[in-house]
Full PDB file with SEQRES, HELIX, SHEET, SSBOND, CRYST1, ORIGX, SCALE, CONECT and MASTER records, all heavy atoms in Angstrom:
SEQRES   1 A   33  SER ILE ASN THR MET GLY TRP TYR ARG GLN ALA PRO GLY          
SEQRES   2 A   33  LYS GLN ARG GLU LEU VAL ALA THR ILE THR ALA GLY LEU          
SEQRES   3 A   33  SER ARG ASN TYR ALA ASP SER                                  
SHEET    1 AA1 3 MET A   5  ARG A   9  0                                        
SHEET    2 AA1 3 GLU A  17  ILE A  22 -1                                        
SHEET    3 AA1 3 ARG A  28  TYR A  30 -1                                        
CRYST1    1.000    1.000    1.000  90.00  90.00  90.00 P 1           1          
ORIGX1      1.000000  0.000000  0.000000        0.00000                         
ORIGX2      0.000000  1.000000  0.000000        0.00000                         
ORIGX3      0.000000  0.000000  1.000000        0.00000                         
SCALE1      1.000000  0.000000  0.000000        0.00000                         
SCALE2      0.000000  1.000000  0.000000        0.00000                         
SCALE3      0.000000  0.000000  1.000000        0.00000                         
ATOM      1  N   SER A   1      15.421  -7.393 -12.451  1.00  0.00           N  
ATOM      2  CA  SER A   1      14.237  -7.620 -13.280  1.00  0.00           C  
ATOM      3  C   SER A   1      13.696  -9.042 -13.207  1.00  0.00           C  
ATOM      4  O   SER A   1      12.521  -9.262 -13.483  1.00  0.00           O  
ATOM      5  CB  SER A   1      14.551  -7.263 -14.734  1.00  0.00           C  
ATOM      6  OG  SER A   1      15.589  -8.092 -15.213  1.00  0.00           O  
ATOM      7  N   ILE A   2      14.513 -10.012 -12.839  1.00  0.00           N  
ATOM      8  CA  ILE A   2      14.047 -11.400 -12.838  1.00  0.00           C  
ATOM      9  C   ILE A   2      13.597 -11.867 -11.469  1.00  0.00           C  
ATOM     10  O   ILE A   2      13.111 -12.984 -11.315  1.00  0.00           O  
ATOM     11  CB  ILE A   2      15.136 -12.362 -13.354  1.00  0.00           C  
ATOM     12  CG1 ILE A   2      16.336 -12.407 -12.400  1.00  0.00           C  
ATOM     13  CG2 ILE A   2      15.563 -11.981 -14.767  1.00  0.00           C  
ATOM     14  CD1 ILE A   2      17.347 -13.482 -12.755  1.00  0.00           C  
ATOM     15  N   ASN A   3      13.766 -11.025 -10.471  1.00  0.00           N  
ATOM     16  CA  ASN A   3      13.490 -11.437  -9.106  1.00  0.00           C  
ATOM     17  C   ASN A   3      12.127 -10.985  -8.607  1.00  0.00           C  
ATOM     18  O   ASN A   3      11.701  -9.861  -8.856  1.00  0.00           O  
ATOM     19  CB  ASN A   3      14.552 -10.882  -8.152  1.00  0.00           C  
ATOM     20  CG  ASN A   3      15.809 -11.719  -8.146  1.00  0.00           C  
ATOM     21  OD1 ASN A   3      15.808 -12.833  -7.616  1.00  0.00           O  
ATOM     22  ND2 ASN A   3      16.870 -11.208  -8.736  1.00  0.00           N  
ATOM     23  N   THR A   4      11.471 -11.866  -7.859  1.00  0.00           N  
ATOM     24  CA  THR A   4      10.304 -11.465  -7.084  1.00  0.00           C  
ATOM     25  C   THR A   4      10.782 -10.580  -5.941  1.00  0.00           C  
ATOM     26  O   THR A   4      11.766 -10.900  -5.274  1.00  0.00           O  
ATOM     27  CB  THR A   4       9.580 -12.693  -6.517  1.00  0.00           C  
ATOM     28  OG1 THR A   4       9.029 -13.449  -7.608  1.00  0.00           O  
ATOM     29  CG2 THR A   4       8.458 -12.282  -5.574  1.00  0.00           C  
ATOM     30  N   MET A   5      10.085  -9.470  -5.755  1.00  0.00           N  
ATOM     31  CA  MET A   5      10.427  -8.554  -4.678  1.00  0.00           C  
ATOM     32  C   MET A   5       9.277  -8.519  -3.678  1.00  0.00           C  
ATOM     33  O   MET A   5       8.112  -8.731  -4.038  1.00  0.00           O  
ATOM     34  CB  MET A   5      10.691  -7.154  -5.220  1.00  0.00           C  
ATOM     35  CG  MET A   5      11.860  -7.055  -6.177  1.00  0.00           C  
ATOM     36  SD  MET A   5      13.439  -7.507  -5.407  1.00  0.00           S  
ATOM     37  CE  MET A   5      13.579  -6.235  -4.138  1.00  0.00           C  
ATOM     38  N   GLY A   6       9.627  -8.231  -2.440  1.00  0.00           N  
ATOM     39  CA  GLY A   6       8.590  -8.198  -1.414  1.00  0.00           C  
ATOM     40  C   GLY A   6       8.831  -7.111  -0.398  1.00  0.00           C  
ATOM     41  O   GLY A   6       9.966  -6.661  -0.209  1.00  0.00           O  
ATOM     42  N   TRP A   7       7.755  -6.692   0.226  1.00  0.00           N  
ATOM     43  CA  TRP A   7       7.814  -5.776   1.366  1.00  0.00           C  
ATOM     44  C   TRP A   7       7.435  -6.546   2.623  1.00  0.00           C  
ATOM     45  O   TRP A   7       6.451  -7.298   2.640  1.00  0.00           O  
ATOM     46  CB  TRP A   7       6.858  -4.602   1.180  1.00  0.00           C  
ATOM     47  CG  TRP A   7       7.392  -3.535   0.290  1.00  0.00           C  
ATOM     48  CD1 TRP A   7       7.137  -3.354  -1.038  1.00  0.00           C  
ATOM     49  CD2 TRP A   7       8.303  -2.487   0.662  1.00  0.00           C  
ATOM     50  NE1 TRP A   7       7.827  -2.275  -1.506  1.00  0.00           N  
ATOM     51  CE2 TRP A   7       8.549  -1.714  -0.487  1.00  0.00           C  
ATOM     52  CE3 TRP A   7       8.928  -2.128   1.855  1.00  0.00           C  
ATOM     53  CZ2 TRP A   7       9.393  -0.598  -0.489  1.00  0.00           C  
ATOM     54  CZ3 TRP A   7       9.770  -1.024   1.865  1.00  0.00           C  
ATOM     55  CH2 TRP A   7       9.994  -0.275   0.711  1.00  0.00           C  
ATOM     56  N   TYR A   8       8.217  -6.344   3.653  1.00  0.00           N  
ATOM     57  CA  TYR A   8       7.997  -6.949   4.955  1.00  0.00           C  
ATOM     58  C   TYR A   8       7.805  -5.834   5.972  1.00  0.00           C  
ATOM     59  O   TYR A   8       8.168  -4.685   5.731  1.00  0.00           O  
ATOM     60  CB  TYR A   8       9.222  -7.760   5.386  1.00  0.00           C  
ATOM     61  CG  TYR A   8       9.594  -8.917   4.508  1.00  0.00           C  
ATOM     62  CD1 TYR A   8      10.199  -8.726   3.270  1.00  0.00           C  
ATOM     63  CD2 TYR A   8       9.385 -10.232   4.935  1.00  0.00           C  
ATOM     64  CE1 TYR A   8      10.564  -9.793   2.468  1.00  0.00           C  
ATOM     65  CE2 TYR A   8       9.759 -11.310   4.147  1.00  0.00           C  
ATOM     66  CZ  TYR A   8      10.349 -11.082   2.925  1.00  0.00           C  
ATOM     67  OH  TYR A   8      10.721 -12.156   2.146  1.00  0.00           O  
ATOM     68  N   ARG A   9       7.298  -6.216   7.121  1.00  0.00           N  
ATOM     69  CA  ARG A   9       7.251  -5.265   8.227  1.00  0.00           C  
ATOM     70  C   ARG A   9       7.455  -5.997   9.545  1.00  0.00           C  
ATOM     71  O   ARG A   9       7.149  -7.178   9.664  1.00  0.00           O  
ATOM     72  CB  ARG A   9       5.940  -4.487   8.250  1.00  0.00           C  
ATOM     73  CG  ARG A   9       4.713  -5.308   8.572  1.00  0.00           C  
ATOM     74  CD  ARG A   9       3.469  -4.439   8.450  1.00  0.00           C  
ATOM     75  NE  ARG A   9       2.239  -5.171   8.766  1.00  0.00           N  
ATOM     76  CZ  ARG A   9       1.025  -4.682   8.591  1.00  0.00           C  
ATOM     77  NH1 ARG A   9       0.870  -3.435   8.101  1.00  0.00           N  
ATOM     78  NH2 ARG A   9      -0.033  -5.407   8.912  1.00  0.00           N  
ATOM     79  N   GLN A  10       7.975  -5.259  10.494  1.00  0.00           N  
ATOM     80  CA  GLN A  10       8.178  -5.810  11.832  1.00  0.00           C  
ATOM     81  C   GLN A  10       7.743  -4.784  12.859  1.00  0.00           C  
ATOM     82  O   GLN A  10       8.342  -3.707  12.958  1.00  0.00           O  
ATOM     83  CB  GLN A  10       9.634  -6.204  12.047  1.00  0.00           C  
ATOM     84  CG  GLN A  10       9.864  -6.928  13.369  1.00  0.00           C  
ATOM     85  CD  GLN A  10      11.219  -7.591  13.449  1.00  0.00           C  
ATOM     86  OE1 GLN A  10      12.156  -7.229  12.742  1.00  0.00           O  
ATOM     87  NE2 GLN A  10      11.335  -8.583  14.311  1.00  0.00           N  
ATOM     88  N   ALA A  11       6.699  -5.130  13.578  1.00  0.00           N  
ATOM     89  CA  ALA A  11       6.193  -4.271  14.638  1.00  0.00           C  
ATOM     90  C   ALA A  11       6.919  -4.619  15.938  1.00  0.00           C  
ATOM     91  O   ALA A  11       7.448  -5.733  16.079  1.00  0.00           O  
ATOM     92  CB  ALA A  11       4.692  -4.471  14.805  1.00  0.00           C  
ATOM     93  N   PRO A  12       6.952  -3.688  16.876  1.00  0.00           N  
ATOM     94  CA  PRO A  12       7.637  -3.945  18.145  1.00  0.00           C  
ATOM     95  C   PRO A  12       7.114  -5.209  18.821  1.00  0.00           C  
ATOM     96  O   PRO A  12       5.903  -5.392  18.967  1.00  0.00           O  
ATOM     97  CB  PRO A  12       7.312  -2.704  18.980  1.00  0.00           C  
ATOM     98  CG  PRO A  12       7.068  -1.634  17.971  1.00  0.00           C  
ATOM     99  CD  PRO A  12       6.413  -2.321  16.821  1.00  0.00           C  
ATOM    100  N   GLY A  13       8.034  -6.090  19.195  1.00  0.00           N  
ATOM    101  CA  GLY A  13       7.662  -7.308  19.889  1.00  0.00           C  
ATOM    102  C   GLY A  13       7.057  -8.384  19.022  1.00  0.00           C  
ATOM    103  O   GLY A  13       6.616  -9.417  19.537  1.00  0.00           O  
ATOM    104  N   LYS A  14       7.047  -8.177  17.713  1.00  0.00           N  
ATOM    105  CA  LYS A  14       6.452  -9.158  16.809  1.00  0.00           C  
ATOM    106  C   LYS A  14       7.464  -9.627  15.782  1.00  0.00           C  
ATOM    107  O   LYS A  14       8.473  -8.975  15.540  1.00  0.00           O  
ATOM    108  CB  LYS A  14       5.232  -8.564  16.105  1.00  0.00           C  
ATOM    109  CG  LYS A  14       4.077  -8.235  17.035  1.00  0.00           C  
ATOM    110  CD  LYS A  14       2.848  -7.830  16.255  1.00  0.00           C  
ATOM    111  CE  LYS A  14       1.670  -7.567  17.166  1.00  0.00           C  
ATOM    112  NZ  LYS A  14       0.441  -7.196  16.407  1.00  0.00           N  
ATOM    113  N   GLN A  15       7.160 -10.764  15.179  1.00  0.00           N  
ATOM    114  CA  GLN A  15       8.035 -11.286  14.141  1.00  0.00           C  
ATOM    115  C   GLN A  15       7.843 -10.495  12.846  1.00  0.00           C  
ATOM    116  O   GLN A  15       6.786  -9.916  12.589  1.00  0.00           O  
ATOM    117  CB  GLN A  15       7.727 -12.762  13.894  1.00  0.00           C  
ATOM    118  CG  GLN A  15       8.180 -13.681  15.010  1.00  0.00           C  
ATOM    119  CD  GLN A  15       8.088 -15.147  14.617  1.00  0.00           C  
ATOM    120  OE1 GLN A  15       7.274 -15.519  13.779  1.00  0.00           O  
ATOM    121  NE2 GLN A  15       8.916 -15.978  15.220  1.00  0.00           N  
ATOM    122  N   ARG A  16       8.871 -10.511  12.046  1.00  0.00           N  
ATOM    123  CA  ARG A  16       8.783  -9.878  10.743  1.00  0.00           C  
ATOM    124  C   ARG A  16       7.792 -10.653   9.887  1.00  0.00           C  
ATOM    125  O   ARG A  16       7.793 -11.883   9.873  1.00  0.00           O  
ATOM    126  CB  ARG A  16      10.158  -9.879  10.091  1.00  0.00           C  
ATOM    127  CG  ARG A  16      10.283  -9.047   8.838  1.00  0.00           C  
ATOM    128  CD  ARG A  16      11.729  -8.971   8.415  1.00  0.00           C  
ATOM    129  NE  ARG A  16      12.514  -8.178   9.350  1.00  0.00           N  
ATOM    130  CZ  ARG A  16      13.844  -8.176   9.397  1.00  0.00           C  
ATOM    131  NH1 ARG A  16      14.527  -8.933   8.559  1.00  0.00           N  
ATOM    132  NH2 ARG A  16      14.487  -7.425  10.253  1.00  0.00           N  
ATOM    133  N   GLU A  17       6.942  -9.924   9.166  1.00  0.00           N  
ATOM    134  CA  GLU A  17       5.945 -10.566   8.320  1.00  0.00           C  
ATOM    135  C   GLU A  17       6.015 -10.000   6.910  1.00  0.00           C  
ATOM    136  O   GLU A  17       6.323  -8.830   6.697  1.00  0.00           O  
ATOM    137  CB  GLU A  17       4.529 -10.370   8.885  1.00  0.00           C  
ATOM    138  CG  GLU A  17       4.068  -8.939   8.954  1.00  0.00           C  
ATOM    139  CD  GLU A  17       2.596  -8.783   9.284  1.00  0.00           C  
ATOM    140  OE1 GLU A  17       1.811  -9.721   9.046  1.00  0.00           O  
ATOM    141  OE2 GLU A  17       2.220  -7.689   9.773  1.00  0.00           O  
ATOM    142  N   LEU A  18       5.692 -10.868   5.969  1.00  0.00           N  
ATOM    143  CA  LEU A  18       5.663 -10.477   4.564  1.00  0.00           C  
ATOM    144  C   LEU A  18       4.286  -9.900   4.263  1.00  0.00           C  
ATOM    145  O   LEU A  18       3.274 -10.561   4.498  1.00  0.00           O  
ATOM    146  CB  LEU A  18       5.942 -11.698   3.684  1.00  0.00           C  
ATOM    147  CG  LEU A  18       5.952 -11.514   2.178  1.00  0.00           C  
ATOM    148  CD1 LEU A  18       7.045 -10.545   1.759  1.00  0.00           C  
ATOM    149  CD2 LEU A  18       6.148 -12.866   1.489  1.00  0.00           C  
ATOM    150  N   VAL A  19       4.246  -8.693   3.721  1.00  0.00           N  
ATOM    151  CA  VAL A  19       2.948  -8.056   3.489  1.00  0.00           C  
ATOM    152  C   VAL A  19       2.575  -7.941   2.022  1.00  0.00           C  
ATOM    153  O   VAL A  19       1.390  -7.852   1.697  1.00  0.00           O  
ATOM    154  CB  VAL A  19       2.857  -6.660   4.151  1.00  0.00           C  
ATOM    155  CG1 VAL A  19       2.983  -6.775   5.656  1.00  0.00           C  
ATOM    156  CG2 VAL A  19       3.907  -5.709   3.610  1.00  0.00           C  
ATOM    157  N   ALA A  20       3.568  -7.939   1.124  1.00  0.00           N  
ATOM    158  CA  ALA A  20       3.247  -7.804  -0.300  1.00  0.00           C  
ATOM    159  C   ALA A  20       4.396  -8.334  -1.138  1.00  0.00           C  
ATOM    160  O   ALA A  20       5.564  -8.184  -0.754  1.00  0.00           O  
ATOM    161  CB  ALA A  20       2.984  -6.349  -0.659  1.00  0.00           C  
ATOM    162  N   THR A  21       4.044  -8.954  -2.252  1.00  0.00           N  
ATOM    163  CA  THR A  21       5.061  -9.426  -3.193  1.00  0.00           C  
ATOM    164  C   THR A  21       4.661  -9.059  -4.615  1.00  0.00           C  
ATOM    165  O   THR A  21       3.469  -8.930  -4.917  1.00  0.00           O  
ATOM    166  CB  THR A  21       5.263 -10.952  -3.124  1.00  0.00           C  
ATOM    167  OG1 THR A  21       4.041 -11.598  -3.479  1.00  0.00           O  
ATOM    168  CG2 THR A  21       5.699 -11.399  -1.736  1.00  0.00           C  
ATOM    169  N   ILE A  22       5.672  -8.923  -5.463  1.00  0.00           N  
ATOM    170  CA  ILE A  22       5.437  -8.692  -6.885  1.00  0.00           C  
ATOM    171  C   ILE A  22       6.471  -9.490  -7.662  1.00  0.00           C  
ATOM    172  O   ILE A  22       7.679  -9.394  -7.397  1.00  0.00           O  
ATOM    173  CB  ILE A  22       5.480  -7.190  -7.228  1.00  0.00           C  
ATOM    174  CG1 ILE A  22       5.146  -6.962  -8.706  1.00  0.00           C  
ATOM    175  CG2 ILE A  22       6.820  -6.562  -6.841  1.00  0.00           C  
ATOM    176  CD1 ILE A  22       4.861  -5.495  -9.038  1.00  0.00           C  
ATOM    177  N   THR A  23       5.992 -10.289  -8.596  1.00  0.00           N  
ATOM    178  CA  THR A  23       6.904 -11.124  -9.376  1.00  0.00           C  
ATOM    179  C   THR A  23       7.457 -10.363 -10.564  1.00  0.00           C  
ATOM    180  O   THR A  23       7.045  -9.236 -10.856  1.00  0.00           O  
ATOM    181  CB  THR A  23       6.167 -12.371  -9.890  1.00  0.00           C  
ATOM    182  OG1 THR A  23       5.202 -11.965 -10.870  1.00  0.00           O  
ATOM    183  CG2 THR A  23       5.470 -13.122  -8.764  1.00  0.00           C  
ATOM    184  N   ALA A  24       8.385 -11.015 -11.256  1.00  0.00           N  
ATOM    185  CA  ALA A  24       8.936 -10.416 -12.468  1.00  0.00           C  
ATOM    186  C   ALA A  24       7.839 -10.181 -13.503  1.00  0.00           C  
ATOM    187  O   ALA A  24       7.904  -9.233 -14.287  1.00  0.00           O  
ATOM    188  CB  ALA A  24      10.025 -11.321 -13.044  1.00  0.00           C  
ATOM    189  N   GLY A  25       6.828 -11.041 -13.482  1.00  0.00           N  
ATOM    190  CA  GLY A  25       5.716 -10.910 -14.404  1.00  0.00           C  
ATOM    191  C   GLY A  25       4.598 -10.014 -13.896  1.00  0.00           C  
ATOM    192  O   GLY A  25       3.522  -9.973 -14.485  1.00  0.00           O  
ATOM    193  N   LEU A  26       4.846  -9.320 -12.811  1.00  0.00           N  
ATOM    194  CA  LEU A  26       3.936  -8.338 -12.217  1.00  0.00           C  
ATOM    195  C   LEU A  26       2.715  -8.963 -11.539  1.00  0.00           C  
ATOM    196  O   LEU A  26       1.700  -8.290 -11.343  1.00  0.00           O  
ATOM    197  CB  LEU A  26       3.498  -7.288 -13.241  1.00  0.00           C  
ATOM    198  CG  LEU A  26       4.621  -6.491 -13.915  1.00  0.00           C  
ATOM    199  CD1 LEU A  26       4.051  -5.451 -14.848  1.00  0.00           C  
ATOM    200  CD2 LEU A  26       5.537  -5.857 -12.889  1.00  0.00           C  
ATOM    201  N   SER A  27       2.806 -10.209 -11.149  1.00  0.00           N  
ATOM    202  CA  SER A  27       1.763 -10.784 -10.308  1.00  0.00           C  
ATOM    203  C   SER A  27       1.964 -10.308  -8.876  1.00  0.00           C  
ATOM    204  O   SER A  27       3.093 -10.318  -8.378  1.00  0.00           O  
ATOM    205  CB  SER A  27       1.827 -12.315 -10.355  1.00  0.00           C  
ATOM    206  OG  SER A  27       1.509 -12.789 -11.644  1.00  0.00           O  
ATOM    207  N   ARG A  28       0.894  -9.923  -8.243  1.00  0.00           N  
ATOM    208  CA  ARG A  28       0.971  -9.341  -6.907  1.00  0.00           C  
ATOM    209  C   ARG A  28       0.199 -10.187  -5.918  1.00  0.00           C  
ATOM    210  O   ARG A  28      -0.849 -10.739  -6.234  1.00  0.00           O  
ATOM    211  CB  ARG A  28       0.392  -7.928  -6.914  1.00  0.00           C  
ATOM    212  CG  ARG A  28       1.140  -6.946  -7.802  1.00  0.00           C  
ATOM    213  CD  ARG A  28       0.359  -5.655  -7.941  1.00  0.00           C  
ATOM    214  NE  ARG A  28       1.100  -4.604  -8.628  1.00  0.00           N  
ATOM    215  CZ  ARG A  28       1.178  -4.463  -9.944  1.00  0.00           C  
ATOM    216  NH1 ARG A  28       0.554  -5.328 -10.734  1.00  0.00           N  
ATOM    217  NH2 ARG A  28       1.873  -3.461 -10.470  1.00  0.00           N  
ATOM    218  N   ASN A  29       0.728 -10.257  -4.712  1.00  0.00           N  
ATOM    219  CA  ASN A  29       0.026 -10.900  -3.608  1.00  0.00           C  
ATOM    220  C   ASN A  29       0.174 -10.053  -2.362  1.00  0.00           C  
ATOM    221  O   ASN A  29       1.189  -9.384  -2.178  1.00  0.00           O  
ATOM    222  CB  ASN A  29       0.573 -12.299  -3.346  1.00  0.00           C  
ATOM    223  CG  ASN A  29      -0.015 -13.317  -4.311  1.00  0.00           C  
ATOM    224  OD1 ASN A  29      -1.186 -13.675  -4.210  1.00  0.00           O  
ATOM    225  ND2 ASN A  29       0.781 -13.773  -5.247  1.00  0.00           N  
ATOM    226  N   TYR A  30      -0.868 -10.111  -1.527  1.00  0.00           N  
ATOM    227  CA  TYR A  30      -0.893  -9.283  -0.327  1.00  0.00           C  
ATOM    228  C   TYR A  30      -1.339 -10.102   0.869  1.00  0.00           C  
ATOM    229  O   TYR A  30      -2.156 -11.018   0.763  1.00  0.00           O  
ATOM    230  CB  TYR A  30      -1.864  -8.118  -0.505  1.00  0.00           C  
ATOM    231  CG  TYR A  30      -1.517  -7.204  -1.656  1.00  0.00           C  
ATOM    232  CD1 TYR A  30      -2.080  -7.381  -2.914  1.00  0.00           C  
ATOM    233  CD2 TYR A  30      -0.611  -6.152  -1.480  1.00  0.00           C  
ATOM    234  CE1 TYR A  30      -1.760  -6.560  -3.966  1.00  0.00           C  
ATOM    235  CE2 TYR A  30      -0.286  -5.307  -2.529  1.00  0.00           C  
ATOM    236  CZ  TYR A  30      -0.860  -5.515  -3.769  1.00  0.00           C  
ATOM    237  OH  TYR A  30      -0.532  -4.682  -4.810  1.00  0.00           O  
ATOM    238  N   ALA A  31      -0.818  -9.729   2.020  1.00  0.00           N  
ATOM    239  CA  ALA A  31      -1.335 -10.287   3.252  1.00  0.00           C  
ATOM    240  C   ALA A  31      -2.767  -9.790   3.440  1.00  0.00           C  
ATOM    241  O   ALA A  31      -3.114  -8.679   3.023  1.00  0.00           O  
ATOM    242  CB  ALA A  31      -0.470  -9.852   4.430  1.00  0.00           C  
ATOM    243  N   ASP A  32      -3.584 -10.607   4.069  1.00  0.00           N  
ATOM    244  CA  ASP A  32      -4.985 -10.227   4.268  1.00  0.00           C  
ATOM    245  C   ASP A  32      -5.122  -8.906   5.015  1.00  0.00           C  
ATOM    246  O   ASP A  32      -6.043  -8.135   4.763  1.00  0.00           O  
ATOM    247  CB  ASP A  32      -5.720 -11.331   5.038  1.00  0.00           C  
ATOM    248  CG  ASP A  32      -5.951 -12.567   4.198  1.00  0.00           C  
ATOM    249  OD1 ASP A  32      -5.838 -12.478   2.952  1.00  0.00           O  
ATOM    250  OD2 ASP A  32      -6.234 -13.631   4.779  1.00  0.00           O  
ATOM    251  N   SER A  33      -4.189  -8.636   5.890  1.00  0.00           N  
ATOM    252  CA  SER A  33      -4.270  -7.439   6.728  1.00  0.00           C  
ATOM    253  C   SER A  33      -4.101  -6.140   5.941  1.00  0.00           C  
ATOM    254  O   SER A  33      -4.480  -5.069   6.423  1.00  0.00           O  
ATOM    255  CB  SER A  33      -3.225  -7.504   7.840  1.00  0.00           C  
ATOM    256  OG  SER A  33      -1.926  -7.637   7.297  1.00  0.00           O  
TER     257      SER A  33                                                      
MASTER        0    0    0    0    3    0    0    6  256    1    0    3          
END                                                                             
């Protein structure tokens, strides 16, 4: 409950990227893509 959680993705041949995060306070951020 106190941790920011995030979703990442890794496409073939590419580095892993962070695509979305949500904080404990429910603030959300997204990659532009």
